[in-house]
Amino acid sequence: MIIAVTGANGLIGRELVPFLKNLGHQVLIITSSHSSNFAKNVFSYSDFLDNKISYKVDLFIHLASINSKLTAKQIKDEIHITETVLSGLPLLNCKNLIFFSTSKVYGDNSLDLNCFKESSPLSPICYYGQAKRMCEDLIRKKSLNGDLNALIFRMPPVLNKSEASNIGKLINLSKTGIPIISIAQGNFNQRSFISLNNIRVVIKSILANPKVFQTNETYNLSDDRAISLNELLSISGGKKIYSLPAFLGKFLLYVPFVNRILVKLFGNFVLDNSKLKSEMGVKLKSTAQLLKIENQ
């Protein structure tokens, strides 16, 4: 199978491209970057739109994004990337698309415990969530016209050790000898993540059954169970997390200048992935299982 990928230099793309190649597929990279980690079959967006790619592509995986911290002015730029992909697909004789969206189309972390299904109302708050919702609408409109077979995956944050995220910083801190002080709410909050292992499982399942594209479905793609922040840090660092009393944590959560940071860390955001597991028949591991395997 010939597979084209955007966003190959991103966190997911760097793992997914070698995985696809190891499965025996030919991978084409579409990139706006002047440099790429992949020397062979690398093309610019200009090559793409100018019909300079002489391949008939079986599947297009659209991962590219400006970043997850979009400003209001960048929404149009984010949407333009997807518009470019959609306009260029016919030039590659490709009708099958996988689009990686975000769980932020449902909203952001909350002190309330909500579990989002694919049928839940879409209420994006951040600009990134708003842009991805608009991209989903463009893709869905084209698929309804019969011009495209598309699968849309709404994903929570990728679980990784990057210092660019607050979770990543805490995970790295948990691996040091420094005692981790948390709040009691971290024992009970519930957060969904997606691990690269489970992304690979789902992609492999799709490639083994290409007829799934004809469903034009949207799925929540997340690890098999949500996890509390304190459990995540405890497993990652292999040591106990010391929690401040619940009343103190509750007080801190309502202090205006720290509320936003604490809600990001200790708020709840759970994705229901039962539709994906049922319709695709995939078996996904939980975040806790994968962390324990990684630490072995």
C-alpha atoms as a PDB file:
ATOM      1  CA  MET A   1       0.000   0.000   0.000  1.00  0.00           C
ATOM      2  CA  ILE A   2       1.206   3.541  -0.763  1.00  0.00           C
ATOM      3  CA  ILE A   3       0.492   5.883   2.143  1.00  0.00           C
ATOM      4  CA  ALA A   4       0.994   9.660   2.212  1.00  0.00           C
ATOM      5  CA  VAL A   5       1.524  11.355   5.581  1.00  0.00           C
ATOM      6  CA  THR A   6       1.499  14.974   6.713  1.00  0.00           C
ATOM      7  CA  GLY A   7       2.997  15.925  10.075  1.00  0.00           C
ATOM      8  CA  ALA A   8       5.655  13.237   9.808  1.00  0.00           C
ATOM      9  CA  ASN A   9       8.089  15.235  11.947  1.00  0.00           C
ATOM     10  CA  GLY A  10       5.621  15.563  14.818  1.00  0.00           C
ATOM     11  CA  LEU A  11       5.384  13.405  17.919  1.00  0.00           C
ATOM     12  CA  ILE A  12       3.015  10.862  16.365  1.00  0.00           C
ATOM     13  CA  GLY A  13       4.450  11.053  12.855  1.00  0.00           C
ATOM     14  CA  ARG A  14       8.009  10.260  13.984  1.00  0.00           C
ATOM     15  CA  GLU A  15       6.715   6.974  15.427  1.00  0.00           C
ATOM     16  CA  LEU A  16       4.086   6.196  12.819  1.00  0.00           C
ATOM     17  CA  VAL A  17       6.188   6.498   9.650  1.00  0.00           C
ATOM     18  CA  PRO A  18       8.790   3.834  10.649  1.00  0.00           C
ATOM     19  CA  PHE A  19       5.927   1.646  11.880  1.00  0.00           C
ATOM     20  CA  LEU A  20       4.191   1.829   8.493  1.00  0.00           C
ATOM     21  CA  LYS A  21       7.432   1.088   6.668  1.00  0.00           C
ATOM     22  CA  ASN A  22       8.118  -1.922   8.894  1.00  0.00           C
ATOM     23  CA  LEU A  23       4.685  -3.257   7.937  1.00  0.00           C
ATOM     24  CA  GLY A  24       5.855  -3.193   4.330  1.00  0.00           C
ATOM     25  CA  HIS A  25       4.077  -0.068   3.098  1.00  0.00           C
ATOM     26  CA  GLN A  26       5.610   2.670   0.966  1.00  0.00           C
ATOM     27  CA  VAL A  27       5.358   6.031   2.712  1.00  0.00           C
ATOM     28  CA  LEU A  28       5.340   9.462   1.088  1.00  0.00           C
ATOM     29  CA  ILE A  29       6.016  12.496   3.291  1.00  0.00           C
ATOM     30  CA  ILE A  30       4.194  15.777   2.596  1.00  0.00           C
ATOM     31  CA  THR A  31       5.872  18.558   4.563  1.00  0.00           C
ATOM     32  CA  SER A  32       6.222  22.319   4.827  1.00  0.00           C
ATOM     33  CA  SER A  33       9.540  21.926   6.633  1.00  0.00           C
ATOM     34  CA  HIS A  34      12.801  22.590   4.820  1.00  0.00           C
ATOM     35  CA  SER A  35      14.337  19.699   6.729  1.00  0.00           C
ATOM     36  CA  SER A  36      12.908  16.271   7.363  1.00  0.00           C
ATOM     37  CA  ASN A  37      13.895  13.214   9.366  1.00  0.00           C
ATOM     38  CA  PHE A  38      12.926  11.116   6.351  1.00  0.00           C
ATOM     39  CA  ALA A  39      15.226  11.526   3.347  1.00  0.00           C
ATOM     40  CA  LYS A  40      13.350   9.383   0.826  1.00  0.00           C
ATOM     41  CA  ASN A  41      10.001  10.227  -0.798  1.00  0.00           C
ATOM     42  CA  VAL A  42       9.749  13.663   0.810  1.00  0.00           C
ATOM     43  CA  PHE A  43       7.619  16.247  -1.006  1.00  0.00           C
ATOM     44  CA  SER A  44       6.584  19.823  -0.357  1.00  0.00           C
ATOM     45  CA  TYR A  45       2.999  21.059  -0.333  1.00  0.00           C
ATOM     46  CA  SER A  46       3.836  22.822  -3.619  1.00  0.00           C
ATOM     47  CA  ASP A  47       4.838  19.480  -5.134  1.00  0.00           C
ATOM     48  CA  PHE A  48       1.559  18.109  -3.819  1.00  0.00           C
ATOM     49  CA  LEU A  49      -0.658  20.833  -5.299  1.00  0.00           C
ATOM     50  CA  ASP A  50       1.302  21.133  -8.556  1.00  0.00           C
ATOM     51  CA  ASN A  51       0.709  17.440  -9.278  1.00  0.00           C
ATOM     52  CA  LYS A  52       4.427  16.624  -9.134  1.00  0.00           C
ATOM     53  CA  ILE A  53       3.944  13.464  -7.072  1.00  0.00           C
ATOM     54  CA  SER A  54       3.720  10.604  -9.559  1.00  0.00           C
ATOM     55  CA  TYR A  55       2.088   8.054  -7.285  1.00  0.00           C
ATOM     56  CA  LYS A  56      -1.411   6.678  -6.937  1.00  0.00           C
ATOM     57  CA  VAL A  57      -1.901   6.874  -3.184  1.00  0.00           C
ATOM     58  CA  ASP A  58      -4.072   4.330  -1.361  1.00  0.00           C
ATOM     59  CA  LEU A  59      -4.338   6.182   1.945  1.00  0.00           C
ATOM     60  CA  PHE A  60      -3.650   9.701   3.171  1.00  0.00           C
ATOM     61  CA  ILE A  61      -2.946  10.188   6.906  1.00  0.00           C
ATOM     62  CA  HIS A  62      -3.356  13.835   7.889  1.00  0.00           C
ATOM     63  CA  LEU A  63      -1.446  14.573  11.104  1.00  0.00           C
ATOM     64  CA  ALA A  64      -0.132  18.057  10.349  1.00  0.00           C
ATOM     65  CA  SER A  65      -1.008  20.927  12.656  1.00  0.00           C
ATOM     66  CA  ILE A  66       0.539  24.286  13.463  1.00  0.00           C
ATOM     67  CA  ASN A  67       0.508  23.452  17.183  1.00  0.00           C
ATOM     68  CA  SER A  68      -1.968  22.800  19.991  1.00  0.00           C
ATOM     69  CA  LYS A  69      -1.620  26.337  21.356  1.00  0.00           C
ATOM     70  CA  LEU A  70      -3.185  28.207  18.474  1.00  0.00           C
ATOM     71  CA  THR A  71      -3.969  31.893  18.640  1.00  0.00           C
ATOM     72  CA  ALA A  72      -7.165  33.311  17.173  1.00  0.00           C
ATOM     73  CA  LYS A  73      -5.225  34.547  14.137  1.00  0.00           C
ATOM     74  CA  GLN A  74      -3.862  31.054  13.463  1.00  0.00           C
ATOM     75  CA  ILE A  75      -7.260  29.356  13.157  1.00  0.00           C
ATOM     76  CA  LYS A  76      -7.467  30.160   9.433  1.00  0.00           C
ATOM     77  CA  ASP A  77      -3.931  28.855   8.905  1.00  0.00           C
ATOM     78  CA  GLU A  78      -4.804  25.589  10.648  1.00  0.00           C
ATOM     79  CA  ILE A  79      -7.927  25.150   8.526  1.00  0.00           C
ATOM     80  CA  HIS A  80      -5.947  25.994   5.381  1.00  0.00           C
ATOM     81  CA  ILE A  81      -3.718  22.948   5.905  1.00  0.00           C
ATOM     82  CA  THR A  82      -6.758  20.676   5.795  1.00  0.00           C
ATOM     83  CA  GLU A  83      -8.200  22.550   2.822  1.00  0.00           C
ATOM     84  CA  THR A  84      -4.908  21.963   1.005  1.00  0.00           C
ATOM     85  CA  VAL A  85      -5.013  18.247   1.751  1.00  0.00           C
ATOM     86  CA  LEU A  86      -8.617  17.931   0.579  1.00  0.00           C
ATOM     87  CA  SER A  87      -7.960  19.823  -2.653  1.00  0.00           C
ATOM     88  CA  GLY A  88      -4.855  17.752  -3.406  1.00  0.00           C
ATOM     89  CA  LEU A  89      -6.279  14.280  -2.780  1.00  0.00           C
ATOM     90  CA  PRO A  90      -7.784  13.909  -6.289  1.00  0.00           C
ATOM     91  CA  LEU A  91      -4.340  14.620  -7.774  1.00  0.00           C
ATOM     92  CA  LEU A  92      -3.083  11.512  -5.986  1.00  0.00           C
ATOM     93  CA  ASN A  93      -6.147   9.496  -7.026  1.00  0.00           C
ATOM     94  CA  CYS A  94      -6.765   8.979  -3.318  1.00  0.00           C
ATOM     95  CA  LYS A  95     -10.189   8.745  -1.685  1.00  0.00           C
ATOM     96  CA  ASN A  96      -9.216   7.335   1.726  1.00  0.00           C
ATOM     97  CA  LEU A  97      -8.301   9.749   4.522  1.00  0.00           C
ATOM     98  CA  ILE A  98      -7.460   9.398   8.207  1.00  0.00           C
ATOM     99  CA  PHE A  99      -7.697  12.698  10.072  1.00  0.00           C
ATOM    100  CA  PHE A 100      -6.310  13.076  13.584  1.00  0.00           C
ATOM    101  CA  SER A 101      -8.493  15.567  15.419  1.00  0.00           C
ATOM    102  CA  THR A 102      -8.608  16.403  19.126  1.00  0.00           C
ATOM    103  CA  SER A 103     -10.818  15.720  22.122  1.00  0.00           C
ATOM    104  CA  LYS A 104     -10.784  19.479  22.684  1.00  0.00           C
ATOM    105  CA  VAL A 105     -13.691  19.717  20.245  1.00  0.00           C
ATOM    106  CA  TYR A 106     -15.791  18.685  23.276  1.00  0.00           C
ATOM    107  CA  GLY A 107     -14.326  21.349  25.569  1.00  0.00           C
ATOM    108  CA  ASP A 108     -11.564  21.502  28.176  1.00  0.00           C
ATOM    109  CA  ASN A 109     -10.741  19.947  31.539  1.00  0.00           C
ATOM    110  CA  SER A 110     -13.323  20.484  34.248  1.00  0.00           C
ATOM    111  CA  LEU A 111     -13.754  19.894  37.951  1.00  0.00           C
ATOM    112  CA  ASP A 112     -16.923  18.016  36.977  1.00  0.00           C
ATOM    113  CA  LEU A 113     -16.528  14.398  35.919  1.00  0.00           C
ATOM    114  CA  ASN A 114     -17.808  14.161  32.348  1.00  0.00           C
ATOM    115  CA  CYS A 115     -17.415  11.265  29.952  1.00  0.00           C
ATOM    116  CA  PHE A 116     -17.611  12.260  26.297  1.00  0.00           C
ATOM    117  CA  LYS A 117     -19.038  10.055  23.578  1.00  0.00           C
ATOM    118  CA  GLU A 118     -18.881  10.761  19.866  1.00  0.00           C
ATOM    119  CA  SER A 119     -22.506  11.923  20.107  1.00  0.00           C
ATOM    120  CA  SER A 120     -21.748  14.434  22.894  1.00  0.00           C
ATOM    121  CA  PRO A 121     -22.266  18.133  22.059  1.00  0.00           C
ATOM    122  CA  LEU A 122     -19.225  19.863  20.597  1.00  0.00           C
ATOM    123  CA  SER A 123     -18.282  22.923  22.664  1.00  0.00           C
ATOM    124  CA  PRO A 124     -14.651  23.758  21.915  1.00  0.00           C
ATOM    125  CA  ILE A 125     -13.238  26.489  24.129  1.00  0.00           C
ATOM    126  CA  CYS A 126      -9.628  26.827  22.996  1.00  0.00           C
ATOM    127  CA  TYR A 127      -8.723  27.981  19.493  1.00  0.00           C
ATOM    128  CA  TYR A 128      -7.141  24.626  18.686  1.00  0.00           C
ATOM    129  CA  GLY A 129     -10.406  22.821  19.433  1.00  0.00           C
ATOM    130  CA  GLN A 130     -12.361  25.358  17.391  1.00  0.00           C
ATOM    131  CA  ALA A 131     -10.058  24.959  14.392  1.00  0.00           C
ATOM    132  CA  LYS A 132     -10.164  21.164  14.504  1.00  0.00           C
ATOM    133  CA  ARG A 133     -13.955  21.210  14.679  1.00  0.00           C
ATOM    134  CA  MET A 134     -14.036  23.309  11.510  1.00  0.00           C
ATOM    135  CA  CYS A 135     -11.605  20.912   9.839  1.00  0.00           C
ATOM    136  CA  GLU A 136     -13.865  18.004  10.783  1.00  0.00           C
ATOM    137  CA  ASP A 137     -16.804  19.825   9.198  1.00  0.00           C
ATOM    138  CA  LEU A 138     -14.884  20.287   5.935  1.00  0.00           C
ATOM    139  CA  ILE A 139     -13.950  16.607   5.822  1.00  0.00           C
ATOM    140  CA  ARG A 140     -17.451  15.447   6.712  1.00  0.00           C
ATOM    141  CA  LYS A 141     -19.003  17.639   4.024  1.00  0.00           C
ATOM    142  CA  LYS A 142     -16.710  16.180   1.367  1.00  0.00           C
ATOM    143  CA  SER A 143     -17.386  12.625   2.506  1.00  0.00           C
ATOM    144  CA  LEU A 144     -21.154  13.220   2.412  1.00  0.00           C
ATOM    145  CA  ASN A 145     -20.778  14.302  -1.217  1.00  0.00           C
ATOM    146  CA  GLY A 146     -19.244  10.923  -1.996  1.00  0.00           C
ATOM    147  CA  ASP A 147     -15.877  12.421  -2.909  1.00  0.00           C
ATOM    148  CA  LEU A 148     -14.062  10.995   0.092  1.00  0.00           C
ATOM    149  CA  ASN A 149     -13.939   8.081   2.525  1.00  0.00           C
ATOM    150  CA  ALA A 150     -12.737   9.491   5.842  1.00  0.00           C
ATOM    151  CA  LEU A 151     -12.113   8.289   9.366  1.00  0.00           C
ATOM    152  CA  ILE A 152     -11.824  11.001  12.021  1.00  0.00           C
ATOM    153  CA  PHE A 153     -10.101  10.225  15.314  1.00  0.00           C
ATOM    154  CA  ARG A 154     -10.629  12.542  18.282  1.00  0.00           C
ATOM    155  CA  MET A 155      -7.696  12.078  20.622  1.00  0.00           C
ATOM    156  CA  PRO A 156      -6.784  13.272  24.116  1.00  0.00           C
ATOM    157  CA  PRO A 157      -3.200  14.373  24.846  1.00  0.00           C
ATOM    158  CA  VAL A 158      -0.520  11.944  23.737  1.00  0.00           C
ATOM    159  CA  LEU A 159       1.193  10.540  26.795  1.00  0.00           C
ATOM    160  CA  ASN A 160       4.837  11.518  26.463  1.00  0.00           C
ATOM    161  CA  LYS A 161       7.757  12.914  28.445  1.00  0.00           C
ATOM    162  CA  SER A 162       8.052  16.185  26.562  1.00  0.00           C
ATOM    163  CA  GLU A 163       8.999  19.185  28.660  1.00  0.00           C
ATOM    164  CA  ALA A 164       6.620  21.193  26.487  1.00  0.00           C
ATOM    165  CA  SER A 165       3.612  19.951  28.478  1.00  0.00           C
ATOM    166  CA  ASN A 166       2.833  20.277  32.188  1.00  0.00           C
ATOM    167  CA  ILE A 167       2.152  16.532  32.390  1.00  0.00           C
ATOM    168  CA  GLY A 168       5.490  15.799  30.744  1.00  0.00           C
ATOM    169  CA  LYS A 169       7.310  18.006  33.226  1.00  0.00           C
ATOM    170  CA  LEU A 170       5.647  16.225  36.164  1.00  0.00           C
ATOM    171  CA  ILE A 171       6.390  12.785  34.719  1.00  0.00           C
ATOM    172  CA  ASN A 172      10.064  13.683  34.361  1.00  0.00           C
ATOM    173  CA  LEU A 173      10.092  15.142  37.866  1.00  0.00           C
ATOM    174  CA  SER A 174       8.573  11.927  39.238  1.00  0.00           C
ATOM    175  CA  LYS A 175      11.574  10.003  37.894  1.00  0.00           C
ATOM    176  CA  THR A 176      14.032  12.037  39.946  1.00  0.00           C
ATOM    177  CA  GLY A 177      14.768  11.604  43.639  1.00  0.00           C
ATOM    178  CA  ILE A 178      12.748  14.706  44.492  1.00  0.00           C
ATOM    179  CA  PRO A 179       9.604  13.960  46.571  1.00  0.00           C
ATOM    180  CA  ILE A 180       6.408  14.759  44.650  1.00  0.00           C
ATOM    181  CA  ILE A 181       3.854  16.779  46.587  1.00  0.00           C
ATOM    182  CA  SER A 182       0.373  16.727  45.083  1.00  0.00           C
ATOM    183  CA  ILE A 183      -3.146  17.402  46.324  1.00  0.00           C
ATOM    184  CA  ALA A 184      -5.690  14.800  47.385  1.00  0.00           C
ATOM    185  CA  GLN A 185      -7.886  15.617  44.378  1.00  0.00           C
ATOM    186  CA  GLY A 186      -5.157  14.025  42.255  1.00  0.00           C
ATOM    187  CA  ASN A 187      -6.151  10.648  43.702  1.00  0.00           C
ATOM    188  CA  PHE A 188      -9.651  10.877  42.269  1.00  0.00           C
ATOM    189  CA  ASN A 189      -9.567  12.954  39.102  1.00  0.00           C
ATOM    190  CA  GLN A 190      -9.896  11.047  35.835  1.00  0.00           C
ATOM    191  CA  ARG A 191      -7.985  11.871  32.658  1.00  0.00           C
ATOM    192  CA  SER A 192      -7.860  10.124  29.312  1.00  0.00           C
ATOM    193  CA  PHE A 193      -4.621   9.899  27.361  1.00  0.00           C
ATOM    194  CA  ILE A 194      -3.569   8.197  24.168  1.00  0.00           C
ATOM    195  CA  SER A 195      -0.380   6.183  23.978  1.00  0.00           C
ATOM    196  CA  LEU A 196       1.577   5.569  20.791  1.00  0.00           C
ATOM    197  CA  ASN A 197       1.159   1.833  21.304  1.00  0.00           C
ATOM    198  CA  ASN A 198      -2.625   2.072  20.976  1.00  0.00           C
ATOM    199  CA  ILE A 199      -2.382   4.347  17.936  1.00  0.00           C
ATOM    200  CA  ARG A 200      -0.283   1.672  16.240  1.00  0.00           C
ATOM    201  CA  VAL A 201      -2.836  -1.018  17.176  1.00  0.00           C
ATOM    202  CA  VAL A 202      -5.683   0.927  15.584  1.00  0.00           C
ATOM    203  CA  ILE A 203      -3.762   1.857  12.432  1.00  0.00           C
ATOM    204  CA  LYS A 204      -2.678  -1.762  11.929  1.00  0.00           C
ATOM    205  CA  SER A 205      -6.296  -2.895  12.289  1.00  0.00           C
ATOM    206  CA  ILE A 206      -7.459  -0.360   9.671  1.00  0.00           C
ATOM    207  CA  LEU A 207      -4.773  -1.391   7.190  1.00  0.00           C
ATOM    208  CA  ALA A 208      -5.831  -5.016   7.581  1.00  0.00           C
ATOM    209  CA  ASN A 209      -9.460  -4.079   6.827  1.00  0.00           C
ATOM    210  CA  PRO A 210      -9.604  -1.144   4.368  1.00  0.00           C
ATOM    211  CA  LYS A 211     -13.396  -1.524   4.011  1.00  0.00           C
ATOM    212  CA  VAL A 212     -13.698   0.364   7.299  1.00  0.00           C
ATOM    213  CA  PHE A 213     -13.145   3.605   5.351  1.00  0.00           C
ATOM    214  CA  GLN A 214     -16.534   3.222   3.719  1.00  0.00           C
ATOM    215  CA  THR A 215     -18.185   3.820   7.085  1.00  0.00           C
ATOM    216  CA  ASN A 216     -17.002   7.469   7.191  1.00  0.00           C
ATOM    217  CA  GLU A 217     -17.122   7.333  10.977  1.00  0.00           C
ATOM    218  CA  THR A 218     -15.788   9.507  13.782  1.00  0.00           C
ATOM    219  CA  TYR A 219     -14.200   7.740  16.749  1.00  0.00           C
ATOM    220  CA  ASN A 220     -12.761   8.641  20.131  1.00  0.00           C
ATOM    221  CA  LEU A 221      -9.258   7.175  20.171  1.00  0.00           C
ATOM    222  CA  SER A 222      -7.916   6.911  23.709  1.00  0.00           C
ATOM    223  CA  ASP A 223      -6.246   4.442  26.025  1.00  0.00           C
ATOM    224  CA  ASP A 224      -8.590   1.856  27.468  1.00  0.00           C
ATOM    225  CA  ARG A 225      -9.215   3.475  30.847  1.00  0.00           C
ATOM    226  CA  ALA A 226      -8.797   6.901  32.338  1.00  0.00           C
ATOM    227  CA  ILE A 227      -6.242   7.464  35.087  1.00  0.00           C
ATOM    228  CA  SER A 228      -5.838   9.842  38.008  1.00  0.00           C
ATOM    229  CA  LEU A 229      -2.898  12.221  38.013  1.00  0.00           C
ATOM    230  CA  ASN A 230      -1.409  10.814  41.207  1.00  0.00           C
ATOM    231  CA  GLU A 231      -1.605   7.226  39.915  1.00  0.00           C
ATOM    232  CA  LEU A 232       0.053   8.316  36.670  1.00  0.00           C
ATOM    233  CA  LEU A 233       2.916   9.976  38.522  1.00  0.00           C
ATOM    234  CA  SER A 234       3.263   7.120  41.000  1.00  0.00           C
ATOM    235  CA  ILE A 235       3.599   4.521  38.236  1.00  0.00           C
ATOM    236  CA  SER A 236       5.897   6.728  36.141  1.00  0.00           C
ATOM    237  CA  GLY A 237       8.291   7.417  39.001  1.00  0.00           C
ATOM    238  CA  GLY A 238       7.842   4.140  40.826  1.00  0.00           C
ATOM    239  CA  LYS A 239       7.299   5.835  44.152  1.00  0.00           C
ATOM    240  CA  LYS A 240       4.612   7.175  46.441  1.00  0.00           C
ATOM    241  CA  ILE A 241       3.061  10.577  45.800  1.00  0.00           C
ATOM    242  CA  TYR A 242       2.509  12.685  48.915  1.00  0.00           C
ATOM    243  CA  SER A 243      -0.859  14.418  48.916  1.00  0.00           C
ATOM    244  CA  LEU A 244      -1.869  17.563  50.734  1.00  0.00           C
ATOM    245  CA  PRO A 245      -5.186  17.383  52.645  1.00  0.00           C
ATOM    246  CA  ALA A 246      -8.340  17.541  50.511  1.00  0.00           C
ATOM    247  CA  PHE A 247      -9.571  20.782  52.080  1.00  0.00           C
ATOM    248  CA  LEU A 248      -6.309  22.527  51.174  1.00  0.00           C
ATOM    249  CA  GLY A 249      -6.499  21.224  47.631  1.00  0.00           C
ATOM    250  CA  LYS A 250     -10.081  22.448  47.342  1.00  0.00           C
ATOM    251  CA  PHE A 251      -9.013  25.880  48.560  1.00  0.00           C
ATOM    252  CA  LEU A 252      -6.177  26.053  46.014  1.00  0.00           C
ATOM    253  CA  LEU A 253      -8.482  25.023  43.184  1.00  0.00           C
ATOM    254  CA  TYR A 254     -10.580  28.103  43.792  1.00  0.00           C
ATOM    255  CA  VAL A 255      -7.716  30.598  44.081  1.00  0.00           C
ATOM    256  CA  PRO A 256      -8.055  32.615  40.836  1.00  0.00           C
ATOM    257  CA  PHE A 257      -4.391  32.907  39.838  1.00  0.00           C
ATOM    258  CA  VAL A 258      -3.634  29.177  40.302  1.00  0.00           C
ATOM    259  CA  ASN A 259      -7.032  27.768  39.305  1.00  0.00           C
ATOM    260  CA  ARG A 260      -6.288  27.558  35.580  1.00  0.00           C
ATOM    261  CA  ILE A 261      -3.058  25.600  36.072  1.00  0.00           C
ATOM    262  CA  LEU A 262      -4.554  23.263  38.660  1.00  0.00           C
ATOM    263  CA  VAL A 263      -7.643  22.530  36.570  1.00  0.00           C
ATOM    264  CA  LYS A 264      -5.354  21.589  33.665  1.00  0.00           C
ATOM    265  CA  LEU A 265      -3.562  19.132  35.940  1.00  0.00           C
ATOM    266  CA  PHE A 266      -6.285  17.952  38.306  1.00  0.00           C
ATOM    267  CA  GLY A 267      -9.386  18.505  36.205  1.00  0.00           C
ATOM    268  CA  ASN A 268     -11.346  15.679  34.627  1.00  0.00           C
ATOM    269  CA  PHE A 269     -11.601  14.778  30.965  1.00  0.00           C
ATOM    270  CA  VAL A 270     -12.692  11.268  30.003  1.00  0.00           C
ATOM    271  CA  LEU A 271     -13.272   9.892  26.510  1.00  0.00           C
ATOM    272  CA  ASP A 272     -15.540   6.913  25.928  1.00  0.00           C
ATOM    273  CA  ASN A 273     -13.805   4.710  23.347  1.00  0.00           C
ATOM    274  CA  SER A 274     -16.368   1.887  23.433  1.00  0.00           C
ATOM    275  CA  LYS A 275     -17.603   2.649  19.893  1.00  0.00           C
ATOM    276  CA  LEU A 276     -14.091   2.222  18.483  1.00  0.00           C
ATOM    277  CA  LYS A 277     -13.496  -1.046  20.321  1.00  0.00           C
ATOM    278  CA  SER A 278     -16.875  -2.457  19.377  1.00  0.00           C
ATOM    279  CA  GLU A 279     -16.916  -1.534  15.687  1.00  0.00           C
ATOM    280  CA  MET A 280     -13.243  -2.188  14.933  1.00  0.00           C
ATOM    281  CA  GLY A 281     -12.777  -5.098  17.302  1.00  0.00           C
ATOM    282  CA  VAL A 282      -9.477  -3.760  18.634  1.00  0.00           C
ATOM    283  CA  LYS A 283      -8.070  -4.493  22.070  1.00  0.00           C
ATOM    284  CA  LEU A 284      -6.498  -1.442  23.657  1.00  0.00           C
ATOM    285  CA  LYS A 285      -4.325  -1.304  26.744  1.00  0.00           C
ATOM    286  CA  SER A 286      -4.910   1.135  29.578  1.00  0.00           C
ATOM    287  CA  THR A 287      -2.566   4.009  30.349  1.00  0.00           C
ATOM    288  CA  ALA A 288      -1.613   2.312  33.625  1.00  0.00           C
ATOM    289  CA  GLN A 289      -0.749  -0.977  31.857  1.00  0.00           C
ATOM    290  CA  LEU A 290       1.444   0.749  29.305  1.00  0.00           C
ATOM    291  CA  LEU A 291       3.269   2.796  31.931  1.00  0.00           C
ATOM    292  CA  LYS A 292       4.002  -0.356  33.942  1.00  0.00           C
ATOM    293  CA  ILE A 293       5.317  -2.126  30.834  1.00  0.00           C
ATOM    294  CA  GLU A 294       7.532   0.849  30.037  1.00  0.00           C
ATOM    295  CA  ASN A 295       8.989   0.794  33.556  1.00  0.00           C
ATOM    296  CA  GLN A 296       9.843  -2.897  33.512  1.00  0.00           C
END
